[in-house]
Protein backbone atom coordinates (compact mmCIF):
# COMPACT_ATOMS: atom_id res chain seq x y z
CA MET A 1 0.02 -0.05 0.04
CA PRO A 2 1.48 3.34 -0.86
CA PRO A 3 2.30 5.78 1.92
CA ILE A 4 0.19 8.77 2.77
CA ASP A 5 1.36 11.62 0.53
CA ASP A 6 1.98 14.68 2.63
CA ALA A 7 2.27 16.78 -0.59
CA THR A 8 -1.24 16.52 -1.49
CA ARG A 9 -2.76 17.49 2.00
CA PRO A 10 -4.86 20.60 2.17
CA ARG A 11 -3.12 23.16 4.43
CA VAL A 12 -5.20 25.83 6.15
CA ALA A 13 -3.72 26.18 9.76
CA GLY A 14 -2.31 29.51 10.79
CA SER A 15 -5.04 31.64 9.53
CA VAL A 16 -6.62 32.28 12.88
CA GLU A 17 -5.25 33.44 16.24
CA LEU A 18 -6.75 31.20 19.13
CA THR A 19 -6.85 31.94 22.67
CA PRO A 20 -5.24 29.72 25.14
CA ARG A 21 -8.67 28.31 26.11
CA GLN A 22 -9.43 27.62 22.24
CA ARG A 23 -5.91 25.75 21.94
CA ALA A 24 -6.85 23.32 24.76
CA ALA A 25 -8.86 20.99 22.59
CA GLY A 26 -5.75 20.71 20.13
CA ASP A 27 -3.47 20.30 23.19
CA HIS A 28 -5.60 17.36 24.31
CA LEU A 29 -5.82 15.80 20.95
CA ARG A 30 -1.96 15.83 20.85
CA MET A 31 -1.91 14.19 24.32
CA ILE A 32 -4.29 11.30 22.97
CA HIS A 33 -1.81 11.02 19.90
CA ASP A 34 1.20 10.87 22.32
CA HIS A 35 -0.36 7.99 24.09
CA PHE A 36 -0.80 6.13 20.71
CA ARG A 37 2.80 6.92 19.98
CA GLN A 38 3.96 5.18 23.03
CA GLN A 39 1.91 2.19 22.09
CA LEU A 40 3.52 2.17 18.60
CA GLU A 41 7.10 2.35 20.32
CA THR A 42 6.10 -0.60 22.41
CA LEU A 43 4.55 -2.50 19.47
CA THR A 44 7.59 -1.94 17.37
CA ARG A 45 9.90 -3.21 20.18
CA ALA A 46 7.70 -6.19 20.76
CA ALA A 47 7.63 -7.21 16.97
CA GLU A 48 11.43 -6.67 16.79
CA SER A 49 11.80 -8.98 19.85
CA VAL A 50 9.79 -11.74 18.20
CA ARG A 51 11.78 -11.24 14.96
CA ASP A 52 14.96 -11.44 16.64
CA GLY A 53 13.90 -14.66 18.40
CA ALA A 54 14.11 -13.14 21.98
CA GLY A 55 10.49 -13.75 22.61
CA ASP A 56 9.43 -17.27 23.54
CA VAL A 57 6.55 -18.83 25.63
CA ASP A 58 8.71 -18.85 28.88
CA ASP A 59 9.03 -15.01 28.48
CA VAL A 60 5.67 -13.91 29.33
CA ARG A 61 5.41 -10.76 30.93
CA ALA A 62 2.71 -9.21 33.03
CA GLY A 63 0.97 -6.01 31.54
CA VAL A 64 1.51 -4.16 28.40
CA HIS A 65 2.92 -1.15 30.34
CA ASP A 66 5.81 -2.93 31.85
CA LEU A 67 7.06 -4.75 28.85
CA ALA A 68 10.48 -6.08 28.77
CA PRO A 69 12.40 -6.20 25.51
CA SER A 70 11.23 -9.80 24.98
CA LEU A 71 7.79 -10.88 24.15
CA THR A 72 5.86 -13.95 23.04
CA ALA A 73 4.17 -14.08 19.57
CA GLN A 74 0.90 -14.47 21.47
CA GLN A 75 1.57 -11.25 23.40
CA VAL A 76 2.47 -9.39 20.31
CA ALA A 77 -0.73 -10.37 18.74
CA GLY A 78 -2.65 -9.35 21.79
CA LEU A 79 -0.97 -5.99 21.73
CA CYS A 80 -1.77 -5.43 18.14
CA GLY A 81 -5.17 -6.16 18.88
CA GLN A 82 -5.42 -3.73 21.75
CA VAL A 83 -3.72 -0.90 19.67
CA CYS A 84 -6.10 -1.51 16.79
CA ARG A 85 -9.30 -1.54 18.98
CA PHE A 86 -8.25 1.68 20.65
CA LEU A 87 -7.18 3.49 17.59
CA THR A 88 -10.22 2.31 15.82
CA MET A 89 -12.57 3.73 18.63
CA HIS A 90 -10.45 7.23 18.31
CA HIS A 91 -10.93 7.40 14.68
CA SER A 92 -14.69 6.32 14.82
CA ILE A 93 -15.20 9.35 17.44
CA GLU A 94 -13.53 11.67 14.99
CA ASP A 95 -15.21 10.44 11.84
CA GLN A 96 -18.92 10.51 13.63
CA ASN A 97 -18.53 13.67 15.65
CA LEU A 98 -15.56 15.86 15.13
CA PHE A 99 -15.08 15.96 11.23
CA PRO A 100 -18.73 16.47 10.47
CA ALA A 101 -18.68 19.44 12.81
CA VAL A 102 -15.49 20.70 11.27
CA ALA A 103 -16.74 20.26 7.62
CA THR A 104 -19.43 22.86 8.31
CA MET A 105 -16.76 25.47 8.26
CA GLU A 106 -15.86 25.92 4.49
CA THR A 107 -12.16 26.59 4.99
CA TYR A 108 -11.55 23.58 7.06
CA ALA A 109 -13.93 21.02 5.15
CA PRO A 110 -11.14 19.69 2.82
CA VAL A 111 -8.95 18.87 5.82
CA ALA A 112 -11.82 17.11 7.45
CA GLN A 113 -12.34 15.01 4.52
CA ARG A 114 -8.70 14.29 4.02
CA LEU A 115 -8.34 13.25 7.51
CA ALA A 116 -11.43 10.78 7.10
CA GLU A 117 -9.85 9.41 4.07
CA GLU A 118 -6.50 8.81 5.82
CA HIS A 119 -8.37 6.82 8.54
CA LEU A 120 -9.01 4.23 5.78
CA VAL A 121 -5.31 3.95 4.99
CA VAL A 122 -4.56 3.70 8.63
CA HIS A 123 -7.10 0.94 9.12
CA ALA A 124 -5.73 -0.96 6.25
CA HIS A 125 -2.37 -0.86 7.90
CA LEU A 126 -3.77 -2.01 11.14
CA GLU A 127 -5.59 -5.02 9.47
CA ARG A 128 -2.33 -6.08 8.01
CA VAL A 129 -0.55 -5.74 11.24
CA ASP A 130 -3.26 -7.76 13.00
CA ASP A 131 -3.06 -10.48 10.26
CA LEU A 132 0.60 -10.72 10.35
CA ALA A 133 0.68 -10.95 14.24
CA LEU A 134 -1.67 -13.75 14.17
CA ALA A 135 0.10 -15.34 11.35
CA VAL A 136 3.66 -15.10 13.13
CA ARG A 137 1.84 -17.36 16.03
CA SER A 138 1.78 -20.30 13.65
CA ASP A 139 4.65 -19.31 11.30
CA PRO A 140 7.55 -17.51 13.01
CA THR A 141 9.35 -17.00 9.78
CA ARG A 142 6.88 -14.13 8.93
CA ALA A 143 8.03 -12.07 11.86
CA ALA A 144 10.12 -9.90 9.46
CA GLU A 145 7.04 -9.05 7.58
CA LEU A 146 5.41 -8.06 10.79
CA VAL A 147 8.39 -5.72 11.75
CA GLU A 148 8.10 -4.11 8.20
CA ALA A 149 4.17 -3.83 8.52
CA VAL A 150 4.57 -2.26 11.93
CA ALA A 151 7.03 0.13 10.66
CA GLU A 152 4.87 1.25 7.81
CA LEU A 153 1.94 1.59 10.03
CA ARG A 154 4.04 3.82 12.31
CA THR A 155 5.30 5.97 9.44
CA ASP A 156 1.71 6.96 8.17
CA LEU A 157 0.19 6.93 11.62
CA GLU A 158 2.60 9.46 13.00
CA SER A 159 2.36 11.63 9.82
CA HIS A 160 -1.48 11.38 10.09
CA PHE A 161 -1.27 12.51 13.81
CA ALA A 162 1.13 15.50 13.12
CA TYR A 163 -1.04 16.66 10.16
CA GLU A 164 -4.20 16.33 12.49
CA GLU A 165 -2.56 18.19 15.22
CA ALA A 166 -1.53 20.98 12.99
CA GLU A 167 -4.77 21.33 11.06
CA MET A 168 -7.51 20.50 13.63
CA THR A 169 -6.44 22.85 16.34
CA GLU A 170 -8.14 25.81 14.91
CA PRO A 171 -11.51 24.44 13.91
CA LEU A 172 -11.82 22.49 17.25
CA GLY A 173 -10.82 25.67 19.15
CA LEU A 174 -13.18 27.92 16.89
CA LEU A 175 -16.21 25.57 17.33
CA GLY A 176 -15.58 24.93 21.12
CA LEU A 177 -15.34 21.23 20.49
CA GLY A 178 -13.63 19.10 23.22
CA VAL A 179 -11.70 16.03 22.32
């Protein structure tokens, strides 16, 4: 799947001066994304651990937040599923609530549309990562594919987050929408 093309994204941010209170929704959005960024880092390390053969059934660790550098393939699959569920929920909220409201503002409507389109790309990545995580449980030779898929997900998702943070702070603040 081709990566998200930053050059084709509509850019409108910077046209309005926001008060600190109006910037709060954008700051909150960034904090949510930072949590996902941490999960992506954990997922990356976990996939690399399985690829490198450091993860095995005897290395089961308690809890995703206390992950050591080595995880079992089963734990990686579970972590992939967790990231996918939470990210899907986050994007569903944006698609159903935030983007339609932002799209009522003519200037920002192309940004809302583009972000919704990017959600489809991100979710295609998530499905690929989830499928590979499950496949690695029965075929460890596919671990390198999983690492590559996680890297591609991470690249596009981090790009998506940065774009959304830059472009959505203004409309969220102007509309008084909380995240």
